[in-house]
Amino acid sequence: SLKPEDTAVYYCAAAPGYTPSRVYTR
C-alpha cells in the first residue's frame, strides 16, 4: 500500500546487538 510520501532513499543498517531480543530504533 505504498504512498507518494514513502518516496525516499531506503538504507539498511546493522547494529551490534548484545541482547538477542532487543530492537534498536535510533
mmCIF file of all heavy atoms, coordinates in Angstrom:
data_MODEL
# 
_entry.id   MODEL 
# 
loop_
_atom_site.group_PDB 
_atom_site.id 
_atom_site.type_symbol 
_atom_site.label_atom_id 
_atom_site.label_alt_id 
_atom_site.label_comp_id 
_atom_site.label_asym_id 
_atom_site.label_entity_id 
_atom_site.label_seq_id 
_atom_site.pdbx_PDB_ins_code 
_atom_site.Cartn_x 
_atom_site.Cartn_y 
_atom_site.Cartn_z 
_atom_site.occupancy 
_atom_site.B_iso_or_equiv 
_atom_site.pdbx_formal_charge 
_atom_site.auth_seq_id 
_atom_site.auth_comp_id 
_atom_site.auth_asym_id 
_atom_site.auth_atom_id 
_atom_site.pdbx_PDB_model_num 
ATOM 1   N N   . SER A 1 1  ? 0.832  -1.210  0.000  1.00 0.00 ? 1  SER A N   1 
ATOM 2   C CA  . SER A 1 1  ? 0.000  0.000   0.000  1.00 0.00 ? 1  SER A CA  1 
ATOM 3   C C   . SER A 1 1  ? 0.863  1.254   0.000  1.00 0.00 ? 1  SER A C   1 
ATOM 4   O O   . SER A 1 1  ? 0.655  2.177   0.798  1.00 0.00 ? 1  SER A O   1 
ATOM 5   C CB  . SER A 1 1  ? -0.936 0.002   1.214  1.00 0.00 ? 1  SER A CB  1 
ATOM 6   O OG  . SER A 1 1  ? -1.752 -1.144  1.231  1.00 0.00 ? 1  SER A OG  1 
ATOM 7   N N   . LEU A 1 2  ? 1.809  1.298   -0.892 1.00 0.00 ? 2  LEU A N   1 
ATOM 8   C CA  . LEU A 1 2  ? 2.753  2.410   -0.924 1.00 0.00 ? 2  LEU A CA  1 
ATOM 9   C C   . LEU A 1 2  ? 2.067  3.730   -1.239 1.00 0.00 ? 2  LEU A C   1 
ATOM 10  O O   . LEU A 1 2  ? 1.100  3.783   -2.019 1.00 0.00 ? 2  LEU A O   1 
ATOM 11  C CB  . LEU A 1 2  ? 3.862  2.134   -1.933 1.00 0.00 ? 2  LEU A CB  1 
ATOM 12  C CG  . LEU A 1 2  ? 4.934  1.159   -1.439 1.00 0.00 ? 2  LEU A CG  1 
ATOM 13  C CD1 . LEU A 1 2  ? 5.721  0.577   -2.587 1.00 0.00 ? 2  LEU A CD1 1 
ATOM 14  C CD2 . LEU A 1 2  ? 5.854  1.850   -0.447 1.00 0.00 ? 2  LEU A CD2 1 
ATOM 15  N N   . LYS A 1 3  ? 2.585  4.778   -0.628 1.00 0.00 ? 3  LYS A N   1 
ATOM 16  C CA  . LYS A 1 3  ? 2.054  6.126   -0.796 1.00 0.00 ? 3  LYS A CA  1 
ATOM 17  C C   . LYS A 1 3  ? 3.149  7.035   -1.355 1.00 0.00 ? 3  LYS A C   1 
ATOM 18  O O   . LYS A 1 3  ? 4.337  6.765   -1.151 1.00 0.00 ? 3  LYS A O   1 
ATOM 19  C CB  . LYS A 1 3  ? 1.592  6.676   0.548  1.00 0.00 ? 3  LYS A CB  1 
ATOM 20  C CG  . LYS A 1 3  ? 0.578  5.817   1.273  1.00 0.00 ? 3  LYS A CG  1 
ATOM 21  C CD  . LYS A 1 3  ? 0.265  6.386   2.646  1.00 0.00 ? 3  LYS A CD  1 
ATOM 22  C CE  . LYS A 1 3  ? -0.742 5.532   3.402  1.00 0.00 ? 3  LYS A CE  1 
ATOM 23  N NZ  . LYS A 1 3  ? -1.046 6.083   4.743  1.00 0.00 ? 3  LYS A NZ  1 
ATOM 24  N N   . PRO A 1 4  ? 2.766  8.124   -2.011 1.00 0.00 ? 4  PRO A N   1 
ATOM 25  C CA  . PRO A 1 4  ? 3.788  9.052   -2.515 1.00 0.00 ? 4  PRO A CA  1 
ATOM 26  C C   . PRO A 1 4  ? 4.734  9.537   -1.418 1.00 0.00 ? 4  PRO A C   1 
ATOM 27  O O   . PRO A 1 4  ? 5.926  9.756   -1.670 1.00 0.00 ? 4  PRO A O   1 
ATOM 28  C CB  . PRO A 1 4  ? 2.957  10.197  -3.091 1.00 0.00 ? 4  PRO A CB  1 
ATOM 29  C CG  . PRO A 1 4  ? 1.681  9.549   -3.524 1.00 0.00 ? 4  PRO A CG  1 
ATOM 30  C CD  . PRO A 1 4  ? 1.423  8.492   -2.482 1.00 0.00 ? 4  PRO A CD  1 
ATOM 31  N N   . GLU A 1 5  ? 4.240  9.675   -0.193 1.00 0.00 ? 5  GLU A N   1 
ATOM 32  C CA  . GLU A 1 5  ? 5.094  10.141  0.902  1.00 0.00 ? 5  GLU A CA  1 
ATOM 33  C C   . GLU A 1 5  ? 6.102  9.093   1.364  1.00 0.00 ? 5  GLU A C   1 
ATOM 34  O O   . GLU A 1 5  ? 6.961  9.377   2.199  1.00 0.00 ? 5  GLU A O   1 
ATOM 35  C CB  . GLU A 1 5  ? 4.249  10.606  2.093  1.00 0.00 ? 5  GLU A CB  1 
ATOM 36  C CG  . GLU A 1 5  ? 3.185  9.625   2.545  1.00 0.00 ? 5  GLU A CG  1 
ATOM 37  C CD  . GLU A 1 5  ? 1.818  9.931   1.942  1.00 0.00 ? 5  GLU A CD  1 
ATOM 38  O OE1 . GLU A 1 5  ? 1.745  10.243  0.728  1.00 0.00 ? 5  GLU A OE1 1 
ATOM 39  O OE2 . GLU A 1 5  ? 0.825  9.835   2.703  1.00 0.00 ? 5  GLU A OE2 1 
ATOM 40  N N   . ASP A 1 6  ? 6.021  7.880   0.816  1.00 0.00 ? 6  ASP A N   1 
ATOM 41  C CA  . ASP A 1 6  ? 7.035  6.864   1.093  1.00 0.00 ? 6  ASP A CA  1 
ATOM 42  C C   . ASP A 1 6  ? 8.252  7.024   0.184  1.00 0.00 ? 6  ASP A C   1 
ATOM 43  O O   . ASP A 1 6  ? 9.249  6.316   0.347  1.00 0.00 ? 6  ASP A O   1 
ATOM 44  C CB  . ASP A 1 6  ? 6.452  5.458   0.898  1.00 0.00 ? 6  ASP A CB  1 
ATOM 45  C CG  . ASP A 1 6  ? 5.376  5.123   1.897  1.00 0.00 ? 6  ASP A CG  1 
ATOM 46  O OD1 . ASP A 1 6  ? 5.537  5.463   3.097  1.00 0.00 ? 6  ASP A OD1 1 
ATOM 47  O OD2 . ASP A 1 6  ? 4.362  4.511   1.500  1.00 0.00 ? 6  ASP A OD2 1 
ATOM 48  N N   . THR A 1 7  ? 8.179  7.940   -0.776 1.00 0.00 ? 7  THR A N   1 
ATOM 49  C CA  . THR A 1 7  ? 9.300  8.176   -1.673 1.00 0.00 ? 7  THR A CA  1 
ATOM 50  C C   . THR A 1 7  ? 10.525 8.637   -0.893 1.00 0.00 ? 7  THR A C   1 
ATOM 51  O O   . THR A 1 7  ? 10.470 9.597   -0.131 1.00 0.00 ? 7  THR A O   1 
ATOM 52  C CB  . THR A 1 7  ? 8.919  9.243   -2.716 1.00 0.00 ? 7  THR A CB  1 
ATOM 53  O OG1 . THR A 1 7  ? 7.878  8.721   -3.555 1.00 0.00 ? 7  THR A OG1 1 
ATOM 54  C CG2 . THR A 1 7  ? 10.115 9.611   -3.583 1.00 0.00 ? 7  THR A CG2 1 
ATOM 55  N N   . ALA A 1 8  ? 11.633 7.924   -1.077 1.00 0.00 ? 8  ALA A N   1 
ATOM 56  C CA  . ALA A 1 8  ? 12.863 8.209   -0.336 1.00 0.00 ? 8  ALA A CA  1 
ATOM 57  C C   . ALA A 1 8  ? 13.946 7.241   -0.781 1.00 0.00 ? 8  ALA A C   1 
ATOM 58  O O   . ALA A 1 8  ? 13.672 6.272   -1.494 1.00 0.00 ? 8  ALA A O   1 
ATOM 59  C CB  . ALA A 1 8  ? 12.632 8.074   1.167  1.00 0.00 ? 8  ALA A CB  1 
ATOM 60  N N   . VAL A 1 9  ? 15.148 7.521   -0.331 1.00 0.00 ? 9  VAL A N   1 
ATOM 61  C CA  . VAL A 1 9  ? 16.218 6.533   -0.421 1.00 0.00 ? 9  VAL A CA  1 
ATOM 62  C C   . VAL A 1 9  ? 16.148 5.699   0.856  1.00 0.00 ? 9  VAL A C   1 
ATOM 63  O O   . VAL A 1 9  ? 16.111 6.256   1.959  1.00 0.00 ? 9  VAL A O   1 
ATOM 64  C CB  . VAL A 1 9  ? 17.602 7.193   -0.548 1.00 0.00 ? 9  VAL A CB  1 
ATOM 65  C CG1 . VAL A 1 9  ? 18.687 6.124   -0.560 1.00 0.00 ? 9  VAL A CG1 1 
ATOM 66  C CG2 . VAL A 1 9  ? 17.670 8.041   -1.821 1.00 0.00 ? 9  VAL A CG2 1 
ATOM 67  N N   . TYR A 1 10 ? 16.102 4.398   0.684  1.00 0.00 ? 10 TYR A N   1 
ATOM 68  C CA  . TYR A 1 10 ? 15.983 3.478   1.812  1.00 0.00 ? 10 TYR A CA  1 
ATOM 69  C C   . TYR A 1 10 ? 17.339 2.862   2.116  1.00 0.00 ? 10 TYR A C   1 
ATOM 70  O O   . TYR A 1 10 ? 18.000 2.318   1.213  1.00 0.00 ? 10 TYR A O   1 
ATOM 71  C CB  . TYR A 1 10 ? 14.952 2.395   1.504  1.00 0.00 ? 10 TYR A CB  1 
ATOM 72  C CG  . TYR A 1 10 ? 13.535 2.906   1.641  1.00 0.00 ? 10 TYR A CG  1 
ATOM 73  C CD1 . TYR A 1 10 ? 13.009 3.801   0.707  1.00 0.00 ? 10 TYR A CD1 1 
ATOM 74  C CD2 . TYR A 1 10 ? 12.732 2.520   2.703  1.00 0.00 ? 10 TYR A CD2 1 
ATOM 75  C CE1 . TYR A 1 10 ? 11.726 4.296   0.843  1.00 0.00 ? 10 TYR A CE1 1 
ATOM 76  C CE2 . TYR A 1 10 ? 11.438 3.004   2.852  1.00 0.00 ? 10 TYR A CE2 1 
ATOM 77  C CZ  . TYR A 1 10 ? 10.948 3.892   1.919  1.00 0.00 ? 10 TYR A CZ  1 
ATOM 78  O OH  . TYR A 1 10 ? 9.673  4.385   2.053  1.00 0.00 ? 10 TYR A OH  1 
ATOM 79  N N   . TYR A 1 11 ? 17.730 2.939   3.384  1.00 0.00 ? 11 TYR A N   1 
ATOM 80  C CA  . TYR A 1 11 ? 19.025 2.457   3.840  1.00 0.00 ? 11 TYR A CA  1 
ATOM 81  C C   . TYR A 1 11 ? 18.848 1.299   4.809  1.00 0.00 ? 11 TYR A C   1 
ATOM 82  O O   . TYR A 1 11 ? 18.032 1.354   5.723  1.00 0.00 ? 11 TYR A O   1 
ATOM 83  C CB  . TYR A 1 11 ? 19.789 3.560   4.553  1.00 0.00 ? 11 TYR A CB  1 
ATOM 84  C CG  . TYR A 1 11 ? 20.141 4.741   3.675  1.00 0.00 ? 11 TYR A CG  1 
ATOM 85  C CD1 . TYR A 1 11 ? 19.288 5.841   3.593  1.00 0.00 ? 11 TYR A CD1 1 
ATOM 86  C CD2 . TYR A 1 11 ? 21.326 4.767   2.952  1.00 0.00 ? 11 TYR A CD2 1 
ATOM 87  C CE1 . TYR A 1 11 ? 19.602 6.924   2.790  1.00 0.00 ? 11 TYR A CE1 1 
ATOM 88  C CE2 . TYR A 1 11 ? 21.649 5.853   2.156  1.00 0.00 ? 11 TYR A CE2 1 
ATOM 89  C CZ  . TYR A 1 11 ? 20.780 6.928   2.072  1.00 0.00 ? 11 TYR A CZ  1 
ATOM 90  O OH  . TYR A 1 11 ? 21.100 7.998   1.279  1.00 0.00 ? 11 TYR A OH  1 
ATOM 91  N N   . CYS A 1 12 ? 19.687 0.304   4.619  1.00 0.00 ? 12 CYS A N   1 
ATOM 92  C CA  . CYS A 1 12 ? 19.783 -0.817  5.541  1.00 0.00 ? 12 CYS A CA  1 
ATOM 93  C C   . CYS A 1 12 ? 20.901 -0.502  6.541  1.00 0.00 ? 12 CYS A C   1 
ATOM 94  O O   . CYS A 1 12 ? 21.906 0.115   6.165  1.00 0.00 ? 12 CYS A O   1 
ATOM 95  C CB  . CYS A 1 12 ? 20.115 -2.069  4.734  1.00 0.00 ? 12 CYS A CB  1 
ATOM 96  S SG  . CYS A 1 12 ? 20.467 -3.536  5.680  1.00 0.00 ? 12 CYS A SG  1 
ATOM 97  N N   . ALA A 1 13 ? 20.722 -0.909  7.792  1.00 0.00 ? 13 ALA A N   1 
ATOM 98  C CA  . ALA A 1 13 ? 21.723 -0.635  8.812  1.00 0.00 ? 13 ALA A CA  1 
ATOM 99  C C   . ALA A 1 13 ? 21.860 -1.818  9.758  1.00 0.00 ? 13 ALA A C   1 
ATOM 100 O O   . ALA A 1 13 ? 20.887 -2.553  9.989  1.00 0.00 ? 13 ALA A O   1 
ATOM 101 C CB  . ALA A 1 13 ? 21.334 0.623   9.594  1.00 0.00 ? 13 ALA A CB  1 
ATOM 102 N N   . ALA A 1 14 ? 23.072 -1.963  10.316 1.00 0.00 ? 14 ALA A N   1 
ATOM 103 C CA  . ALA A 1 14 ? 23.359 -3.068  11.232 1.00 0.00 ? 14 ALA A CA  1 
ATOM 104 C C   . ALA A 1 14 ? 23.956 -2.532  12.515 1.00 0.00 ? 14 ALA A C   1 
ATOM 105 O O   . ALA A 1 14 ? 24.829 -1.654  12.497 1.00 0.00 ? 14 ALA A O   1 
ATOM 106 C CB  . ALA A 1 14 ? 24.326 -4.048  10.576 1.00 0.00 ? 14 ALA A CB  1 
ATOM 107 N N   . ALA A 1 15 ? 23.469 -3.083  13.643 1.00 0.00 ? 15 ALA A N   1 
ATOM 108 C CA  . ALA A 1 15 ? 23.960 -2.682  14.958 1.00 0.00 ? 15 ALA A CA  1 
ATOM 109 C C   . ALA A 1 15 ? 24.413 -3.913  15.732 1.00 0.00 ? 15 ALA A C   1 
ATOM 110 O O   . ALA A 1 15 ? 23.681 -4.910  15.763 1.00 0.00 ? 15 ALA A O   1 
ATOM 111 C CB  . ALA A 1 15 ? 22.860 -1.976  15.737 1.00 0.00 ? 15 ALA A CB  1 
ATOM 112 N N   . PRO A 1 16 ? 25.593 -3.861  16.352 1.00 0.00 ? 16 PRO A N   1 
ATOM 113 C CA  . PRO A 1 16 ? 25.987 -4.975  17.216 1.00 0.00 ? 16 PRO A CA  1 
ATOM 114 C C   . PRO A 1 16 ? 24.933 -5.139  18.303 1.00 0.00 ? 16 PRO A C   1 
ATOM 115 O O   . PRO A 1 16 ? 24.660 -4.197  19.050 1.00 0.00 ? 16 PRO A O   1 
ATOM 116 C CB  . PRO A 1 16 ? 27.328 -4.522  17.798 1.00 0.00 ? 16 PRO A CB  1 
ATOM 117 C CG  . PRO A 1 16 ? 27.816 -3.482  16.872 1.00 0.00 ? 16 PRO A CG  1 
ATOM 118 C CD  . PRO A 1 16 ? 26.591 -2.803  16.331 1.00 0.00 ? 16 PRO A CD  1 
ATOM 119 N N   . GLY A 1 17 ? 24.329 -6.298  18.359 1.00 0.00 ? 17 GLY A N   1 
ATOM 120 C CA  . GLY A 1 17 ? 23.245 -6.499  19.305 1.00 0.00 ? 17 GLY A CA  1 
ATOM 121 C C   . GLY A 1 17 ? 23.660 -7.368  20.460 1.00 0.00 ? 17 GLY A C   1 
ATOM 122 O O   . GLY A 1 17 ? 23.912 -8.545  20.294 1.00 0.00 ? 17 GLY A O   1 
ATOM 123 N N   . TYR A 1 18 ? 23.761 -6.784  21.634 1.00 0.00 ? 18 TYR A N   1 
ATOM 124 C CA  . TYR A 1 18 ? 24.220 -7.519  22.805 1.00 0.00 ? 18 TYR A CA  1 
ATOM 125 C C   . TYR A 1 18 ? 23.102 -8.347  23.421 1.00 0.00 ? 18 TYR A C   1 
ATOM 126 O O   . TYR A 1 18 ? 23.358 -9.310  24.136 1.00 0.00 ? 18 TYR A O   1 
ATOM 127 C CB  . TYR A 1 18 ? 24.814 -6.556  23.810 1.00 0.00 ? 18 TYR A CB  1 
ATOM 128 C CG  . TYR A 1 18 ? 25.970 -5.767  23.230 1.00 0.00 ? 18 TYR A CG  1 
ATOM 129 C CD1 . TYR A 1 18 ? 25.811 -4.425  22.886 1.00 0.00 ? 18 TYR A CD1 1 
ATOM 130 C CD2 . TYR A 1 18 ? 27.188 -6.374  22.974 1.00 0.00 ? 18 TYR A CD2 1 
ATOM 131 C CE1 . TYR A 1 18 ? 26.859 -3.706  22.325 1.00 0.00 ? 18 TYR A CE1 1 
ATOM 132 C CE2 . TYR A 1 18 ? 28.239 -5.670  22.400 1.00 0.00 ? 18 TYR A CE2 1 
ATOM 133 C CZ  . TYR A 1 18 ? 28.066 -4.335  22.080 1.00 0.00 ? 18 TYR A CZ  1 
ATOM 134 O OH  . TYR A 1 18 ? 29.089 -3.633  21.509 1.00 0.00 ? 18 TYR A OH  1 
ATOM 135 N N   . THR A 1 19 ? 21.874 -7.966  23.107 1.00 0.00 ? 19 THR A N   1 
ATOM 136 C CA  . THR A 1 19 ? 20.715 -8.694  23.617 1.00 0.00 ? 19 THR A CA  1 
ATOM 137 C C   . THR A 1 19 ? 19.953 -9.257  22.430 1.00 0.00 ? 19 THR A C   1 
ATOM 138 O O   . THR A 1 19 ? 19.523 -8.499  21.571 1.00 0.00 ? 19 THR A O   1 
ATOM 139 C CB  . THR A 1 19 ? 19.787 -7.772  24.424 1.00 0.00 ? 19 THR A CB  1 
ATOM 140 O OG1 . THR A 1 19 ? 20.541 -7.167  25.471 1.00 0.00 ? 19 THR A OG1 1 
ATOM 141 C CG2 . THR A 1 19 ? 18.620 -8.555  24.999 1.00 0.00 ? 19 THR A CG2 1 
ATOM 142 N N   . PRO A 1 20 ? 19.765 -10.571 22.349 1.00 0.00 ? 20 PRO A N   1 
ATOM 143 C CA  . PRO A 1 20 ? 19.151 -11.177 21.149 1.00 0.00 ? 20 PRO A CA  1 
ATOM 144 C C   . PRO A 1 20 ? 17.765 -10.654 20.820 1.00 0.00 ? 20 PRO A C   1 
ATOM 145 O O   . PRO A 1 20 ? 17.377 -10.617 19.657 1.00 0.00 ? 20 PRO A O   1 
ATOM 146 C CB  . PRO A 1 20 ? 19.113 -12.665 21.501 1.00 0.00 ? 20 PRO A CB  1 
ATOM 147 C CG  . PRO A 1 20 ? 20.234 -12.849 22.459 1.00 0.00 ? 20 PRO A CG  1 
ATOM 148 C CD  . PRO A 1 20 ? 20.265 -11.591 23.271 1.00 0.00 ? 20 PRO A CD  1 
ATOM 149 N N   . SER A 1 21 ? 17.016 -10.250 21.811 1.00 0.00 ? 21 SER A N   1 
ATOM 150 C CA  . SER A 1 21 ? 15.626 -9.870  21.560 1.00 0.00 ? 21 SER A CA  1 
ATOM 151 C C   . SER A 1 21 ? 15.408 -8.363  21.463 1.00 0.00 ? 21 SER A C   1 
ATOM 152 O O   . SER A 1 21 ? 14.297 -7.910  21.262 1.00 0.00 ? 21 SER A O   1 
ATOM 153 C CB  . SER A 1 21 ? 14.744 -10.418 22.679 1.00 0.00 ? 21 SER A CB  1 
ATOM 154 O OG  . SER A 1 21 ? 15.161 -9.867  23.918 1.00 0.00 ? 21 SER A OG  1 
ATOM 155 N N   . ARG A 1 22 ? 16.464 -7.587  21.577 1.00 0.00 ? 22 ARG A N   1 
ATOM 156 C CA  . ARG A 1 22 ? 16.289 -6.127  21.619 1.00 0.00 ? 22 ARG A CA  1 
ATOM 157 C C   . ARG A 1 22 ? 16.193 -5.540  20.221 1.00 0.00 ? 22 ARG A C   1 
ATOM 158 O O   . ARG A 1 22 ? 16.891 -5.956  19.298 1.00 0.00 ? 22 ARG A O   1 
ATOM 159 C CB  . ARG A 1 22 ? 17.445 -5.470  22.380 1.00 0.00 ? 22 ARG A CB  1 
ATOM 160 C CG  . ARG A 1 22 ? 17.290 -3.950  22.483 1.00 0.00 ? 22 ARG A CG  1 
ATOM 161 C CD  . ARG A 1 22 ? 18.377 -3.319  23.315 1.00 0.00 ? 22 ARG A CD  1 
ATOM 162 N NE  . ARG A 1 22 ? 18.315 -1.869  23.246 1.00 0.00 ? 22 ARG A NE  1 
ATOM 163 C CZ  . ARG A 1 22 ? 19.182 -1.060  23.814 1.00 0.00 ? 22 ARG A CZ  1 
ATOM 164 N NH1 . ARG A 1 22 ? 20.180 -1.563  24.518 1.00 0.00 ? 22 ARG A NH1 1 
ATOM 165 N NH2 . ARG A 1 22 ? 19.054 0.240   23.689 1.00 0.00 ? 22 ARG A NH2 1 
ATOM 166 N N   . VAL A 1 23 ? 15.338 -4.525  20.094 1.00 0.00 ? 23 VAL A N   1 
ATOM 167 C CA  . VAL A 1 23 ? 15.180 -3.770  18.860 1.00 0.00 ? 23 VAL A CA  1 
ATOM 168 C C   . VAL A 1 23 ? 15.773 -2.378  19.077 1.00 0.00 ? 23 VAL A C   1 
ATOM 169 O O   . VAL A 1 23 ? 15.526 -1.742  20.096 1.00 0.00 ? 23 VAL A O   1 
ATOM 170 C CB  . VAL A 1 23 ? 13.695 -3.652  18.473 1.00 0.00 ? 23 VAL A CB  1 
ATOM 171 C CG1 . VAL A 1 23 ? 13.517 -2.711  17.287 1.00 0.00 ? 23 VAL A CG1 1 
ATOM 172 C CG2 . VAL A 1 23 ? 13.125 -5.023  18.125 1.00 0.00 ? 23 VAL A CG2 1 
ATOM 173 N N   . TYR A 1 24 ? 16.563 -1.909  18.126 1.00 0.00 ? 24 TYR A N   1 
ATOM 174 C CA  . TYR A 1 24 ? 17.203 -0.599  18.206 1.00 0.00 ? 24 TYR A CA  1 
ATOM 175 C C   . TYR A 1 24 ? 16.555 0.325   17.177 1.00 0.00 ? 24 TYR A C   1 
ATOM 176 O O   . TYR A 1 24 ? 16.400 -0.043  16.014 1.00 0.00 ? 24 TYR A O   1 
ATOM 177 C CB  . TYR A 1 24 ? 18.696 -0.719  17.929 1.00 0.00 ? 24 TYR A CB  1 
ATOM 178 C CG  . TYR A 1 24 ? 19.427 -1.627  18.880 1.00 0.00 ? 24 TYR A CG  1 
ATOM 179 C CD1 . TYR A 1 24 ? 19.467 -2.999  18.672 1.00 0.00 ? 24 TYR A CD1 1 
ATOM 180 C CD2 . TYR A 1 24 ? 20.063 -1.111  20.011 1.00 0.00 ? 24 TYR A CD2 1 
ATOM 181 C CE1 . TYR A 1 24 ? 20.114 -3.836  19.548 1.00 0.00 ? 24 TYR A CE1 1 
ATOM 182 C CE2 . TYR A 1 24 ? 20.722 -1.944  20.895 1.00 0.00 ? 24 TYR A CE2 1 
ATOM 183 C CZ  . TYR A 1 24 ? 20.744 -3.308  20.660 1.00 0.00 ? 24 TYR A CZ  1 
ATOM 184 O OH  . TYR A 1 24 ? 21.389 -4.129  21.529 1.00 0.00 ? 24 TYR A OH  1 
ATOM 185 N N   . THR A 1 25 ? 16.191 1.528   17.614 1.00 0.00 ? 25 THR A N   1 
ATOM 186 C CA  . THR A 1 25 ? 15.457 2.427   16.721 1.00 0.00 ? 25 THR A CA  1 
ATOM 187 C C   . THR A 1 25 ? 16.158 3.754   16.453 1.00 0.00 ? 25 THR A C   1 
ATOM 188 O O   . THR A 1 25 ? 15.642 4.566   15.686 1.00 0.00 ? 25 THR A O   1 
ATOM 189 C CB  . THR A 1 25 ? 14.063 2.729   17.308 1.00 0.00 ? 25 THR A CB  1 
ATOM 190 O OG1 . THR A 1 25 ? 14.223 3.407   18.560 1.00 0.00 ? 25 THR A OG1 1 
ATOM 191 C CG2 . THR A 1 25 ? 13.269 1.453   17.511 1.00 0.00 ? 25 THR A CG2 1 
ATOM 192 N N   . ARG A 1 26 ? 17.318 3.987   17.038 1.00 0.00 ? 26 ARG A N   1 
ATOM 193 C CA  . ARG A 1 26 ? 18.000 5.276   16.892 1.00 0.00 ? 26 ARG A CA  1 
ATOM 194 C C   . ARG A 1 26 ? 19.178 5.178   15.946 1.00 0.00 ? 26 ARG A C   1 
ATOM 195 O O   . ARG A 1 26 ? 19.916 4.201   15.963 1.00 0.00 ? 26 ARG A O   1 
ATOM 196 C CB  . ARG A 1 26 ? 18.443 5.781   18.265 1.00 0.00 ? 26 ARG A CB  1 
ATOM 197 C CG  . ARG A 1 26 ? 17.271 6.076   19.190 1.00 0.00 ? 26 ARG A CG  1 
ATOM 198 C CD  . ARG A 1 26 ? 17.724 6.443   20.586 1.00 0.00 ? 26 ARG A CD  1 
ATOM 199 N NE  . ARG A 1 26 ? 16.630 6.864   21.442 1.00 0.00 ? 26 ARG A NE  1 
ATOM 200 C CZ  . ARG A 1 26 ? 15.830 6.043   22.071 1.00 0.00 ? 26 ARG A CZ  1 
ATOM 201 N NH1 . ARG A 1 26 ? 15.973 4.745   21.925 1.00 0.00 ? 26 ARG A NH1 1 
ATOM 202 N NH2 . ARG A 1 26 ? 14.875 6.530   22.830 1.00 0.00 ? 26 ARG A NH2 1 
# 
